[in-house]
Structures are given as C-alpha cells and as structure tokens.
C-alpha cells in the first residue's frame, strides 16, 4: 500500500527476463520527479502514467490501453498524449480504445470503428468514412455588391456557403473574379461527423474507436 512510484515499477520489472531500465520507463512517462512519491497519493493523471510505465517496463512490442485518458483534466490528458506519442516514436505498437474522437485523430495512424461488437471500418483518420473524397464546404462573406454572383449558395448570416468536390478550383475562380475573399473557410466532414453518420446508418449505439 505504501509503495513508491519507483518501487511499483520495479515490482513489474521483476516479472520480465529483459526489462527496460526502471529509470528509463519513468522518464518515458514523465514521472522521474515523482519516483519517490507514494503511488496512492498521486493525482489521477499521474496514476494513469504510472500504469503505462508498468506496462512499458516489459519492453512490449504491442501495448493495449483501454481509455487511458477518461476522467482526466485537459492538462493531464494532453500530458498522456505526449506519453503515447513517445511510445509510438520508440516503435511500440499501441492499440488504444477511446470515445474521444479528437484523441483518435491526433494519435492514431489507423482507426477502427466498432459498432455492436463488429469492426465496421479500418482506415487512416483522414480517410475514415470517405472523408478524403467527401464534398468540402466553402464558406465566405461576399464582397460588397457581389451577392448576386453567389446565387444558389446557402445563406448563413452575412456569409454564404456551398459544397464542392473541387474547392481549390472554386476558390481560385472566385478570387480571380472578386479579389480577396473575407472569412473564407474550407472544411470537410470531421471525424465526428462521419462517425455519427455511420452510427445512424447502422442503427446502433456507438461502442468506441480503436
């Protein structure tokens, strides 16, 4: 019960024939300064990082992490992201389960969408649900006196928008005709958009992203 952070990782290290140096495992998760602290007195974010250190010390080629950032505050969550990015740089394959789609998009090389216990799709984050080929929304504020040139576009307050499969070409054409365009944005469906669409089409409750 009163084991320190270092002692906890040392106990796990003893289970493996060729463990990582405990100091290296602690440094990898940013717990070097807390190594002599009693583990039970740590914050939630620090204890999650300690869990990762205990798994990392055995030099795993594959590490499973089930929602490691759930319940963490934004600062602790970003700290855990840095830990996971470090694991990837070390060559460790991480299978991460999360309900945070921004987390999946920021960290994953590939994403698997799980619905009703079945994997629906596995793809790079930018390609899930056909995001890379989906129509882009082009939104801007028309130049003074040029609103008629945007007939057929949808209105959004002072702005107008439309969808296009060639947004760069559309914007280039508009710039040639009207000059600089105010408040111009080009967006494709977010990962959350395509995920919710997949859930709706599947007619099920979401289970998570890996």
Protein backbone atom coordinates (compact mmCIF):
# COMPACT_ATOMS: atom_id res chain seq x y z
CA UNK A 1 0.00 0.00 0.00
CA UNK A 2 2.90 2.37 0.71
CA UNK A 3 4.98 1.51 -2.34
CA UNK A 4 6.58 4.42 -4.11
CA UNK A 5 6.26 5.03 -7.81
CA UNK A 6 9.71 3.56 -8.43
CA UNK A 7 9.08 0.51 -6.23
CA UNK A 8 5.81 -0.17 -8.09
CA UNK A 9 7.53 -0.20 -11.48
CA UNK A 10 10.41 -2.29 -10.06
CA UNK A 11 7.91 -4.97 -8.96
CA UNK A 12 6.60 -5.21 -12.53
CA UNK A 13 10.12 -5.21 -13.95
CA UNK A 14 10.92 -8.35 -11.96
CA UNK A 15 8.29 -10.24 -13.97
CA UNK A 16 10.24 -9.95 -17.23
CA UNK A 17 13.51 -11.54 -18.36
CA UNK A 18 14.85 -8.42 -20.03
CA UNK A 19 13.03 -5.40 -18.61
CA UNK A 20 13.60 -1.80 -19.53
CA UNK A 21 15.60 0.19 -17.02
CA UNK A 22 13.13 1.47 -14.44
CA UNK A 23 14.58 4.97 -14.69
CA UNK A 24 14.02 4.91 -18.44
CA UNK A 25 10.43 3.73 -18.05
CA UNK A 26 9.73 6.51 -15.57
CA UNK A 27 11.37 9.10 -17.77
CA UNK A 28 9.31 7.93 -20.75
CA UNK A 29 6.08 8.76 -18.93
CA UNK A 30 7.33 11.90 -17.22
CA UNK A 31 7.41 10.54 -13.66
CA UNK A 32 11.11 10.90 -12.82
CA UNK A 33 10.45 13.70 -10.31
CA UNK A 34 7.68 11.67 -8.64
CA UNK A 35 9.62 8.39 -8.41
CA UNK A 36 9.91 8.53 -4.59
CA UNK A 37 6.32 9.60 -4.05
CA UNK A 38 3.88 7.07 -2.59
CA UNK A 39 1.82 5.85 -5.55
CA UNK A 40 -1.52 6.13 -3.77
CA UNK A 41 -1.01 9.85 -3.18
CA UNK A 42 -0.66 10.65 -6.89
CA UNK A 43 -3.20 12.51 -8.98
CA UNK A 44 -5.42 10.64 -11.42
CA UNK A 45 -3.35 11.70 -14.40
CA UNK A 46 -0.09 10.64 -12.75
CA UNK A 47 -1.54 7.25 -11.82
CA UNK A 48 -2.57 6.69 -15.45
CA UNK A 49 1.02 7.43 -16.48
CA UNK A 50 2.25 5.02 -13.81
CA UNK A 51 0.01 2.33 -15.32
CA UNK A 52 1.68 2.93 -18.68
CA UNK A 53 5.13 2.75 -17.10
CA UNK A 54 4.27 -0.62 -15.57
CA UNK A 55 3.24 -1.91 -18.98
CA UNK A 56 6.18 -0.34 -20.76
CA UNK A 57 8.88 -1.72 -18.48
CA UNK A 58 8.47 -5.19 -20.01
CA UNK A 59 9.52 -3.91 -23.45
CA UNK A 60 6.23 -4.88 -25.12
CA UNK A 61 6.03 -4.88 -28.90
CA UNK A 62 2.28 -4.34 -28.51
CA UNK A 63 0.62 -2.37 -25.72
CA UNK A 64 -3.16 -2.35 -25.12
CA UNK A 65 -4.59 0.78 -23.48
CA UNK A 66 -8.30 0.97 -22.66
CA UNK A 67 -9.49 4.60 -22.47
CA UNK A 68 -6.35 5.83 -20.68
CA UNK A 69 -7.47 9.48 -20.59
CA UNK A 70 -11.05 9.05 -19.35
CA UNK A 71 -11.75 11.40 -16.44
CA UNK A 72 -8.53 13.37 -16.81
CA UNK A 73 -8.47 17.16 -16.89
CA UNK A 74 -7.33 18.80 -20.15
CA UNK A 75 -3.73 19.32 -18.97
CA UNK A 76 -3.35 15.72 -17.76
CA UNK A 77 -4.98 14.46 -20.94
CA UNK A 78 -2.50 16.29 -23.16
CA UNK A 79 0.34 15.01 -20.98
CA UNK A 80 -0.87 11.47 -21.62
CA UNK A 81 -1.00 12.23 -25.35
CA UNK A 82 2.68 13.15 -25.21
CA UNK A 83 3.42 9.85 -23.46
CA UNK A 84 1.58 7.90 -26.15
CA UNK A 85 3.34 9.82 -28.93
CA UNK A 86 6.63 8.92 -27.25
CA UNK A 87 5.71 5.24 -27.24
CA UNK A 88 4.99 5.36 -30.96
CA UNK A 89 8.35 7.03 -31.58
CA UNK A 90 10.03 4.22 -29.64
CA UNK A 91 8.50 1.70 -32.03
CA UNK A 92 5.85 0.32 -29.68
CA UNK A 93 2.56 -0.57 -31.36
CA UNK A 94 -0.27 0.84 -29.23
CA UNK A 95 -3.86 -0.39 -29.51
CA UNK A 96 -5.83 2.43 -27.93
CA UNK A 97 -9.55 2.33 -27.19
CA UNK A 98 -11.21 5.72 -26.76
CA UNK A 99 -14.51 7.55 -27.07
CA UNK A 100 -12.68 10.85 -27.69
CA UNK A 101 -12.60 11.33 -31.45
CA UNK A 102 -10.14 14.24 -31.27
CA UNK A 103 -7.82 11.92 -29.39
CA UNK A 104 -8.15 9.20 -32.01
CA UNK A 105 -7.49 11.68 -34.81
CA UNK A 106 -4.48 13.21 -33.05
CA UNK A 107 -2.77 9.95 -32.08
CA UNK A 108 -3.78 7.18 -34.45
CA UNK A 109 -2.12 6.02 -37.65
CA UNK A 110 -5.20 3.89 -38.31
CA UNK A 111 -8.66 3.93 -36.78
CA UNK A 112 -11.12 1.06 -36.37
CA UNK A 113 -14.79 1.92 -35.85
CA UNK A 114 -16.57 -0.60 -33.61
CA UNK A 115 -20.37 -0.86 -33.64
CA UNK A 116 -22.39 -3.63 -31.98
CA UNK A 117 -19.23 -5.63 -31.43
CA UNK A 118 -18.27 -5.58 -35.10
CA UNK A 119 -15.47 -3.63 -36.76
CA UNK A 120 -17.15 -1.51 -39.43
CA UNK A 121 -14.11 0.09 -41.00
CA UNK A 122 -10.34 0.38 -40.56
CA UNK A 123 -8.65 3.34 -42.23
CA UNK A 124 -6.34 6.28 -41.75
CA UNK A 125 -8.07 9.08 -39.78
CA UNK A 126 -8.29 11.31 -42.86
CA UNK A 127 -9.97 8.54 -44.88
CA UNK A 128 -12.50 7.09 -42.42
CA UNK A 129 -15.97 7.18 -43.92
CA UNK A 130 -14.62 8.59 -47.17
CA UNK A 131 -13.59 11.89 -45.56
CA UNK A 132 -10.84 12.42 -48.10
CA UNK A 133 -13.27 12.29 -51.02
CA UNK A 134 -16.31 13.92 -49.37
CA UNK A 135 -17.65 17.23 -50.61
CA UNK A 136 -15.97 20.22 -48.98
CA UNK A 137 -17.95 23.15 -47.61
CA UNK A 138 -16.74 26.52 -48.89
CA UNK A 139 -17.94 29.46 -46.77
CA UNK A 140 -17.22 33.18 -47.19
CA UNK A 141 -18.61 36.67 -46.88
CA UNK A 142 -19.41 38.01 -50.37
CA UNK A 143 -17.72 41.24 -51.46
CA UNK A 144 -19.90 44.35 -51.25
CA UNK A 145 -22.36 44.47 -54.14
CA UNK A 146 -21.48 40.96 -55.34
CA UNK A 147 -24.17 38.92 -53.59
CA UNK A 148 -25.92 38.15 -56.89
CA UNK A 149 -22.78 36.33 -58.03
CA UNK A 150 -23.44 33.76 -55.32
CA UNK A 151 -26.97 32.92 -56.38
CA UNK A 152 -27.70 29.32 -55.44
CA UNK A 153 -25.38 29.37 -52.45
CA UNK A 154 -26.89 28.88 -48.98
CA UNK A 155 -27.02 31.82 -46.58
CA UNK A 156 -25.51 31.85 -43.09
CA UNK A 157 -25.99 35.32 -41.64
CA UNK A 158 -23.77 37.65 -43.65
CA UNK A 159 -21.94 34.68 -45.14
CA UNK A 160 -22.80 32.23 -47.91
CA UNK A 161 -21.69 28.64 -48.40
CA UNK A 162 -21.80 25.81 -50.86
CA UNK A 163 -20.36 22.31 -51.22
CA UNK A 164 -17.83 21.39 -53.87
CA UNK A 165 -15.74 18.42 -54.94
CA UNK A 166 -13.09 20.85 -56.23
CA UNK A 167 -12.86 23.56 -53.56
CA UNK A 168 -9.41 24.80 -54.59
CA UNK A 169 -10.55 25.36 -58.14
CA UNK A 170 -13.73 27.07 -56.95
CA UNK A 171 -11.84 29.43 -54.64
CA UNK A 172 -9.26 30.23 -57.32
CA UNK A 173 -12.04 31.15 -59.73
CA UNK A 174 -13.80 33.31 -57.14
CA UNK A 175 -10.54 35.06 -56.23
CA UNK A 176 -9.82 35.85 -59.87
CA UNK A 177 -13.26 37.43 -60.20
CA UNK A 178 -13.66 39.15 -56.84
CA UNK A 179 -10.20 39.53 -55.34
CA UNK A 180 -9.58 38.72 -51.67
CA UNK A 181 -12.45 36.83 -50.03
CA UNK A 182 -13.45 37.67 -46.48
CA UNK A 183 -13.78 34.98 -43.79
CA UNK A 184 -13.07 32.20 -46.27
CA UNK A 185 -13.09 28.68 -44.81
CA UNK A 186 -12.92 25.29 -46.48
CA UNK A 187 -13.92 22.31 -44.36
CA UNK A 188 -14.52 18.64 -44.97
CA UNK A 189 -16.64 16.40 -42.68
CA UNK A 190 -14.96 15.95 -39.32
CA UNK A 191 -14.20 12.54 -37.88
CA UNK A 192 -17.13 13.10 -35.52
CA UNK A 193 -19.43 13.87 -38.46
CA UNK A 194 -18.61 10.65 -40.30
CA UNK A 195 -18.67 8.61 -37.08
CA UNK A 196 -22.15 9.82 -36.16
CA UNK A 197 -23.30 9.18 -39.72
CA UNK A 198 -22.00 5.60 -39.50
CA UNK A 199 -23.81 5.11 -36.18
CA UNK A 200 -27.06 6.47 -37.63
CA UNK A 201 -26.82 4.30 -40.77
CA UNK A 202 -26.00 1.25 -38.70
CA UNK A 203 -28.93 1.91 -36.36
CA UNK A 204 -26.95 1.08 -33.27
CA UNK A 205 -25.38 2.55 -30.18
CA UNK A 206 -21.77 3.56 -30.51
CA UNK A 207 -19.17 1.47 -28.71
CA UNK A 208 -15.94 3.23 -29.40
CA UNK A 209 -12.98 3.86 -31.60
CA UNK A 210 -9.72 1.94 -31.56
